[in-house]
Amino acid sequence: MAKGMSTDARKKDTREKIELGGLIVKAGLRYEKRALLLGLLIDAAERTKGDEVERARLTTIGAKAFGHDGE
């Protein structure tokens, strides 16, 4: 975290990290190795770059997991 970051910015950063960790748990990946998780995320980022069909496919999967459309 950057030195001199405001309290509000730190709180927002912390909340975002907690929410992102919750996504790992929701996906059923809580007990996977960190290297695997990072590899999955890097691979997904590369595969979705410029591929709107793949982005839409993965967004649909995620929306169903949340129980609604979007996000």
PDB file of N, CA and C in Angstrom:
ATOM      1  N   MET A   1       0.834  -1.169   0.000  1.00  0.00           N
ATOM      2  CA  MET A   1       0.000   0.000   0.000  1.00  0.00           C
ATOM      3  C   MET A   1       0.883   1.238   0.000  1.00  0.00           C
ATOM      4  N   ALA A   2       0.442   2.261  -0.665  1.00  0.00           N
ATOM      5  CA  ALA A   2       1.241   3.472  -0.785  1.00  0.00           C
ATOM      6  C   ALA A   2       1.317   4.212   0.543  1.00  0.00           C
ATOM      7  N   LYS A   3       2.528   4.721   0.829  1.00  0.00           N
ATOM      8  CA  LYS A   3       2.723   5.513   2.046  1.00  0.00           C
ATOM      9  C   LYS A   3       1.894   6.788   1.927  1.00  0.00           C
ATOM     10  N   GLY A   4       1.246   7.158   3.008  1.00  0.00           N
ATOM     11  CA  GLY A   4       0.458   8.373   3.003  1.00  0.00           C
ATOM     12  C   GLY A   4      -0.953   8.176   2.467  1.00  0.00           C
ATOM     13  N   MET A   5      -1.359   6.944   2.229  1.00  0.00           N
ATOM     14  CA  MET A   5      -2.699   6.670   1.737  1.00  0.00           C
ATOM     15  C   MET A   5      -3.708   7.065   2.819  1.00  0.00           C
ATOM     16  N   SER A   6      -4.785   7.700   2.450  1.00  0.00           N
ATOM     17  CA  SER A   6      -5.769   8.144   3.426  1.00  0.00           C
ATOM     18  C   SER A   6      -6.473   6.954   4.069  1.00  0.00           C
ATOM     19  N   THR A   7      -7.063   7.209   5.222  1.00  0.00           N
ATOM     20  CA  THR A   7      -7.795   6.165   5.938  1.00  0.00           C
ATOM     21  C   THR A   7      -8.933   5.625   5.082  1.00  0.00           C
ATOM     22  N   ASP A   8      -9.668   6.497   4.425  1.00  0.00           N
ATOM     23  CA  ASP A   8     -10.769   6.061   3.569  1.00  0.00           C
ATOM     24  C   ASP A   8     -10.264   5.198   2.417  1.00  0.00           C
ATOM     25  N   ALA A   9      -9.144   5.579   1.843  1.00  0.00           N
ATOM     26  CA  ALA A   9      -8.581   4.799   0.734  1.00  0.00           C
ATOM     27  C   ALA A   9      -8.130   3.430   1.219  1.00  0.00           C
ATOM     28  N   ARG A  10      -7.540   3.367   2.410  1.00  0.00           N
ATOM     29  CA  ARG A  10      -7.117   2.080   2.985  1.00  0.00           C
ATOM     30  C   ARG A  10      -8.318   1.189   3.257  1.00  0.00           C
ATOM     31  N   LYS A  11      -9.376   1.767   3.796  1.00  0.00           N
ATOM     32  CA  LYS A  11     -10.591   1.000   4.075  1.00  0.00           C
ATOM     33  C   LYS A  11     -11.195   0.456   2.786  1.00  0.00           C
ATOM     34  N   LYS A  12     -11.232   1.297   1.765  1.00  0.00           N
ATOM     35  CA  LYS A  12     -11.783   0.875   0.477  1.00  0.00           C
ATOM     36  C   LYS A  12     -10.931  -0.247  -0.117  1.00  0.00           C
ATOM     37  N   ASP A  13      -9.616  -0.107  -0.037  1.00  0.00           N
ATOM     38  CA  ASP A  13      -8.700  -1.124  -0.552  1.00  0.00           C
ATOM     39  C   ASP A  13      -8.891  -2.447   0.192  1.00  0.00           C
ATOM     40  N   THR A  14      -8.998  -2.381   1.506  1.00  0.00           N
ATOM     41  CA  THR A  14      -9.183  -3.576   2.323  1.00  0.00           C
ATOM     42  C   THR A  14     -10.505  -4.258   1.993  1.00  0.00           C
ATOM     43  N   ARG A  15     -11.559  -3.488   1.880  1.00  0.00           N
ATOM     44  CA  ARG A  15     -12.877  -4.046   1.551  1.00  0.00           C
ATOM     45  C   ARG A  15     -12.848  -4.741   0.185  1.00  0.00           C
ATOM     46  N   GLU A  16     -12.216  -4.115  -0.776  1.00  0.00           N
ATOM     47  CA  GLU A  16     -12.123  -4.702  -2.120  1.00  0.00           C
ATOM     48  C   GLU A  16     -11.378  -6.040  -2.078  1.00  0.00           C
ATOM     49  N   LYS A  17     -10.291  -6.096  -1.336  1.00  0.00           N
ATOM     50  CA  LYS A  17      -9.524  -7.339  -1.228  1.00  0.00           C
ATOM     51  C   LYS A  17     -10.333  -8.437  -0.555  1.00  0.00           C
ATOM     52  N   ILE A  18     -11.091  -8.090   0.466  1.00  0.00           N
ATOM     53  CA  ILE A  18     -11.940  -9.067   1.147  1.00  0.00           C
ATOM     54  C   ILE A  18     -13.007  -9.589   0.180  1.00  0.00           C
ATOM     55  N   GLU A  19     -13.615  -8.689  -0.578  1.00  0.00           N
ATOM     56  CA  GLU A  19     -14.636  -9.101  -1.549  1.00  0.00           C
ATOM     57  C   GLU A  19     -14.041 -10.016  -2.618  1.00  0.00           C
ATOM     58  N   LEU A  20     -12.832  -9.700  -3.093  1.00  0.00           N
ATOM     59  CA  LEU A  20     -12.180 -10.540  -4.103  1.00  0.00           C
ATOM     60  C   LEU A  20     -11.857 -11.921  -3.534  1.00  0.00           C
ATOM     61  N   GLY A  21     -11.434 -11.959  -2.272  1.00  0.00           N
ATOM     62  CA  GLY A  21     -11.196 -13.250  -1.629  1.00  0.00           C
ATOM     63  C   GLY A  21     -12.476 -14.060  -1.528  1.00  0.00           C
ATOM     64  N   GLY A  22     -13.582 -13.383  -1.284  1.00  0.00           N
ATOM     65  CA  GLY A  22     -14.879 -14.046  -1.223  1.00  0.00           C
ATOM     66  C   GLY A  22     -15.247 -14.708  -2.540  1.00  0.00           C
ATOM     67  N   LEU A  23     -14.812 -14.118  -3.637  1.00  0.00           N
ATOM     68  CA  LEU A  23     -15.072 -14.728  -4.946  1.00  0.00           C
ATOM     69  C   LEU A  23     -14.339 -16.053  -5.089  1.00  0.00           C
ATOM     70  N   ILE A  24     -13.133 -16.125  -4.563  1.00  0.00           N
ATOM     71  CA  ILE A  24     -12.360 -17.367  -4.594  1.00  0.00           C
ATOM     72  C   ILE A  24     -13.114 -18.451  -3.817  1.00  0.00           C
ATOM     73  N   VAL A  25     -13.635 -18.091  -2.655  1.00  0.00           N
ATOM     74  CA  VAL A  25     -14.391 -19.033  -1.831  1.00  0.00           C
ATOM     75  C   VAL A  25     -15.663 -19.460  -2.565  1.00  0.00           C
ATOM     76  N   LYS A  26     -16.395 -18.505  -3.124  1.00  0.00           N
ATOM     77  CA  LYS A  26     -17.654 -18.796  -3.826  1.00  0.00           C
ATOM     78  C   LYS A  26     -17.428 -19.725  -5.013  1.00  0.00           C
ATOM     79  N   ALA A  27     -16.258 -19.601  -5.652  1.00  0.00           N
ATOM     80  CA  ALA A  27     -15.935 -20.450  -6.801  1.00  0.00           C
ATOM     81  C   ALA A  27     -15.508 -21.857  -6.382  1.00  0.00           C
ATOM     82  N   GLY A  28     -15.413 -22.103  -5.069  1.00  0.00           N
ATOM     83  CA  GLY A  28     -15.025 -23.419  -4.587  1.00  0.00           C
ATOM     84  C   GLY A  28     -13.527 -23.668  -4.630  1.00  0.00           C
ATOM     85  N   LEU A  29     -12.750 -22.595  -4.611  1.00  0.00           N
ATOM     86  CA  LEU A  29     -11.294 -22.706  -4.743  1.00  0.00           C
ATOM     87  C   LEU A  29     -10.544 -22.344  -3.460  1.00  0.00           C
ATOM     88  N   ARG A  30     -11.235 -22.322  -2.345  1.00  0.00           N
ATOM     89  CA  ARG A  30     -10.650 -21.884  -1.075  1.00  0.00           C
ATOM     90  C   ARG A  30      -9.358 -22.620  -0.730  1.00  0.00           C
ATOM     91  N   TYR A  31      -9.301 -23.912  -0.978  1.00  0.00           N
ATOM     92  CA  TYR A  31      -8.168 -24.711  -0.512  1.00  0.00           C
ATOM     93  C   TYR A  31      -7.122 -24.983  -1.594  1.00  0.00           C
ATOM     94  N   GLU A  32      -7.243 -24.318  -2.716  1.00  0.00           N
ATOM     95  CA  GLU A  32      -6.258 -24.482  -3.787  1.00  0.00           C
ATOM     96  C   GLU A  32      -4.997 -23.686  -3.467  1.00  0.00           C
ATOM     97  N   LYS A  33      -3.907 -24.108  -4.055  1.00  0.00           N
ATOM     98  CA  LYS A  33      -2.639 -23.399  -3.864  1.00  0.00           C
ATOM     99  C   LYS A  33      -2.713 -22.025  -4.521  1.00  0.00           C
ATOM    100  N   ARG A  34      -2.049 -21.088  -3.898  1.00  0.00           N
ATOM    101  CA  ARG A  34      -2.046 -19.715  -4.426  1.00  0.00           C
ATOM    102  C   ARG A  34      -1.474 -19.636  -5.834  1.00  0.00           C
ATOM    103  N   ALA A  35      -0.463 -20.443  -6.128  1.00  0.00           N
ATOM    104  CA  ALA A  35       0.130 -20.433  -7.468  1.00  0.00           C
ATOM    105  C   ALA A  35      -0.898 -20.873  -8.513  1.00  0.00           C
ATOM    106  N   LEU A  36      -1.723 -21.859  -8.174  1.00  0.00           N
ATOM    107  CA  LEU A  36      -2.777 -22.302  -9.091  1.00  0.00           C
ATOM    108  C   LEU A  36      -3.794 -21.191  -9.311  1.00  0.00           C
ATOM    109  N   LEU A  37      -4.218 -20.560  -8.228  1.00  0.00           N
ATOM    110  CA  LEU A  37      -5.196 -19.479  -8.348  1.00  0.00           C
ATOM    111  C   LEU A  37      -4.668 -18.351  -9.229  1.00  0.00           C
ATOM    112  N   LEU A  38      -3.436 -17.965  -9.000  1.00  0.00           N
ATOM    113  CA  LEU A  38      -2.848 -16.901  -9.808  1.00  0.00           C
ATOM    114  C   LEU A  38      -2.738 -17.338 -11.266  1.00  0.00           C
ATOM    115  N   GLY A  39      -2.345 -18.575 -11.482  1.00  0.00           N
ATOM    116  CA  GLY A  39      -2.270 -19.097 -12.853  1.00  0.00           C
ATOM    117  C   GLY A  39      -3.619 -19.077 -13.547  1.00  0.00           C
ATOM    118  N   LEU A  40      -4.663 -19.477 -12.844  1.00  0.00           N
ATOM    119  CA  LEU A  40      -6.012 -19.439 -13.408  1.00  0.00           C
ATOM    120  C   LEU A  40      -6.401 -18.029 -13.807  1.00  0.00           C
ATOM    121  N   LEU A  41      -6.120 -17.077 -12.925  1.00  0.00           N
ATOM    122  CA  LEU A  41      -6.489 -15.688 -13.199  1.00  0.00           C
ATOM    123  C   LEU A  41      -5.687 -15.100 -14.358  1.00  0.00           C
ATOM    124  N   ILE A  42      -4.404 -15.399 -14.402  1.00  0.00           N
ATOM    125  CA  ILE A  42      -3.571 -14.903 -15.510  1.00  0.00           C
ATOM    126  C   ILE A  42      -4.046 -15.497 -16.828  1.00  0.00           C
ATOM    127  N   ASP A  43      -4.319 -16.806 -16.830  1.00  0.00           N
ATOM    128  CA  ASP A  43      -4.806 -17.465 -18.045  1.00  0.00           C
ATOM    129  C   ASP A  43      -6.131 -16.861 -18.503  1.00  0.00           C
ATOM    130  N   ALA A  44      -7.036 -16.641 -17.562  1.00  0.00           N
ATOM    131  CA  ALA A  44      -8.328 -16.053 -17.915  1.00  0.00           C
ATOM    132  C   ALA A  44      -8.161 -14.642 -18.469  1.00  0.00           C
ATOM    133  N   ALA A  45      -7.279 -13.866 -17.867  1.00  0.00           N
ATOM    134  CA  ALA A  45      -7.043 -12.502 -18.346  1.00  0.00           C
ATOM    135  C   ALA A  45      -6.524 -12.512 -19.783  1.00  0.00           C
ATOM    136  N   GLU A  46      -5.621 -13.436 -20.065  1.00  0.00           N
ATOM    137  CA  GLU A  46      -5.066 -13.530 -21.425  1.00  0.00           C
ATOM    138  C   GLU A  46      -6.117 -14.014 -22.417  1.00  0.00           C
ATOM    139  N   ARG A  47      -6.922 -15.009 -22.015  1.00  0.00           N
ATOM    140  CA  ARG A  47      -7.929 -15.562 -22.919  1.00  0.00           C
ATOM    141  C   ARG A  47      -9.061 -14.591 -23.198  1.00  0.00           C
ATOM    142  N   THR A  48      -9.360 -13.711 -22.264  1.00  0.00           N
ATOM    143  CA  THR A  48     -10.479 -12.794 -22.460  1.00  0.00           C
ATOM    144  C   THR A  48     -10.080 -11.472 -23.114  1.00  0.00           C
ATOM    145  N   LYS A  49      -8.781 -11.212 -23.183  1.00  0.00           N
ATOM    146  CA  LYS A  49      -8.306  -9.971 -23.798  1.00  0.00           C
ATOM    147  C   LYS A  49      -8.765  -9.922 -25.255  1.00  0.00           C
ATOM    148  N   GLY A  50      -9.660  -9.002 -25.566  1.00  0.00           N
ATOM    149  CA  GLY A  50     -10.117  -8.821 -26.935  1.00  0.00           C
ATOM    150  C   GLY A  50     -11.072  -9.900 -27.422  1.00  0.00           C
ATOM    151  N   ASP A  51     -11.491 -10.813 -26.562  1.00  0.00           N
ATOM    152  CA  ASP A  51     -12.401 -11.891 -26.968  1.00  0.00           C
ATOM    153  C   ASP A  51     -13.741 -11.688 -26.261  1.00  0.00           C
ATOM    154  N   GLU A  52     -14.606 -10.931 -26.898  1.00  0.00           N
ATOM    155  CA  GLU A  52     -15.891 -10.597 -26.291  1.00  0.00           C
ATOM    156  C   GLU A  52     -16.788 -11.816 -26.113  1.00  0.00           C
ATOM    157  N   VAL A  53     -16.651 -12.798 -26.975  1.00  0.00           N
ATOM    158  CA  VAL A  53     -17.459 -14.019 -26.843  1.00  0.00           C
ATOM    159  C   VAL A  53     -17.075 -14.759 -25.560  1.00  0.00           C
ATOM    160  N   GLU A  54     -15.773 -14.896 -25.316  1.00  0.00           N
ATOM    161  CA  GLU A  54     -15.312 -15.571 -24.101  1.00  0.00           C
ATOM    162  C   GLU A  54     -15.681 -14.766 -22.859  1.00  0.00           C
ATOM    163  N   ARG A  55     -15.558 -13.451 -22.937  1.00  0.00           N
ATOM    164  CA  ARG A  55     -15.941 -12.600 -21.807  1.00  0.00           C
ATOM    165  C   ARG A  55     -17.426 -12.772 -21.494  1.00  0.00           C
ATOM    166  N   ALA A  56     -18.256 -12.796 -22.524  1.00  0.00           N
ATOM    167  CA  ALA A  56     -19.699 -12.967 -22.335  1.00  0.00           C
ATOM    168  C   ALA A  56     -20.009 -14.336 -21.746  1.00  0.00           C
ATOM    169  N   ARG A  57     -19.327 -15.363 -22.217  1.00  0.00           N
ATOM    170  CA  ARG A  57     -19.532 -16.725 -21.720  1.00  0.00           C
ATOM    171  C   ARG A  57     -19.204 -16.798 -20.222  1.00  0.00           C
ATOM    172  N   LEU A  58     -18.060 -16.258 -19.841  1.00  0.00           N
ATOM    173  CA  LEU A  58     -17.649 -16.297 -18.448  1.00  0.00           C
ATOM    174  C   LEU A  58     -18.525 -15.404 -17.562  1.00  0.00           C
ATOM    175  N   THR A  59     -18.974 -14.279 -18.098  1.00  0.00           N
ATOM    176  CA  THR A  59     -19.877 -13.392 -17.365  1.00  0.00           C
ATOM    177  C   THR A  59     -21.196 -14.097 -17.079  1.00  0.00           C
ATOM    178  N   THR A  60     -21.694 -14.859 -18.040  1.00  0.00           N
ATOM    179  CA  THR A  60     -22.925 -15.620 -17.858  1.00  0.00           C
ATOM    180  C   THR A  60     -22.762 -16.653 -16.747  1.00  0.00           C
ATOM    181  N   ILE A  61     -21.647 -17.355 -16.752  1.00  0.00           N
ATOM    182  CA  ILE A  61     -21.374 -18.343 -15.702  1.00  0.00           C
ATOM    183  C   ILE A  61     -21.349 -17.660 -14.331  1.00  0.00           C
ATOM    184  N   GLY A  62     -20.646 -16.538 -14.239  1.00  0.00           N
ATOM    185  CA  GLY A  62     -20.560 -15.809 -12.977  1.00  0.00           C
ATOM    186  C   GLY A  62     -21.902 -15.277 -12.517  1.00  0.00           C
ATOM    187  N   ALA A  63     -22.685 -14.739 -13.435  1.00  0.00           N
ATOM    188  CA  ALA A  63     -24.000 -14.201 -13.082  1.00  0.00           C
ATOM    189  C   ALA A  63     -24.905 -15.303 -12.545  1.00  0.00           C
ATOM    190  N   LYS A  64     -24.848 -16.478 -13.149  1.00  0.00           N
ATOM    191  CA  LYS A  64     -25.644 -17.608 -12.659  1.00  0.00           C
ATOM    192  C   LYS A  64     -25.206 -17.996 -11.254  1.00  0.00           C
ATOM    193  N   ALA A  65     -23.892 -17.964 -10.985  1.00  0.00           N
ATOM    194  CA  ALA A  65     -23.385 -18.300  -9.649  1.00  0.00           C
ATOM    195  C   ALA A  65     -23.874 -17.281  -8.611  1.00  0.00           C
ATOM    196  N   PHE A  66     -24.015 -16.020  -9.019  1.00  0.00           N
ATOM    197  CA  PHE A  66     -24.532 -14.992  -8.119  1.00  0.00           C
ATOM    198  C   PHE A  66     -26.045 -15.075  -8.014  1.00  0.00           C
ATOM    199  N   GLY A  67     -26.671 -15.793  -8.953  1.00  0.00           N
ATOM    200  CA  GLY A  67     -28.122 -15.934  -8.914  1.00  0.00           C
ATOM    201  C   GLY A  67     -28.869 -14.828  -9.606  1.00  0.00           C
ATOM    202  N   HIS A  68     -28.189 -14.105 -10.500  1.00  0.00           N
ATOM    203  CA  HIS A  68     -28.856 -13.027 -11.234  1.00  0.00           C
ATOM    204  C   HIS A  68     -28.083 -12.719 -12.508  1.00  0.00           C
ATOM    205  N   ASP A  69     -28.610 -11.824 -13.314  1.00  0.00           N
ATOM    206  CA  ASP A  69     -27.946 -11.411 -14.555  1.00  0.00           C
ATOM    207  C   ASP A  69     -27.067 -10.211 -14.290  1.00  0.00           C
ATOM    208  N   GLY A  70     -25.938 -10.153 -14.988  1.00  0.00           N
ATOM    209  CA  GLY A  70     -25.054  -8.990 -14.920  1.00  0.00           C
ATOM    210  C   GLY A  70     -23.957  -9.132 -13.909  1.00  0.00           C
ATOM    211  N   GLU A  71     -23.222  -8.063 -13.722  1.00  0.00           N
ATOM    212  CA  GLU A  71     -22.050  -7.940 -12.856  1.00  0.00           C
ATOM    213  C   GLU A  71     -20.972  -8.730 -13.454  1.00  0.00           C
TER     214      GLU A  71
END
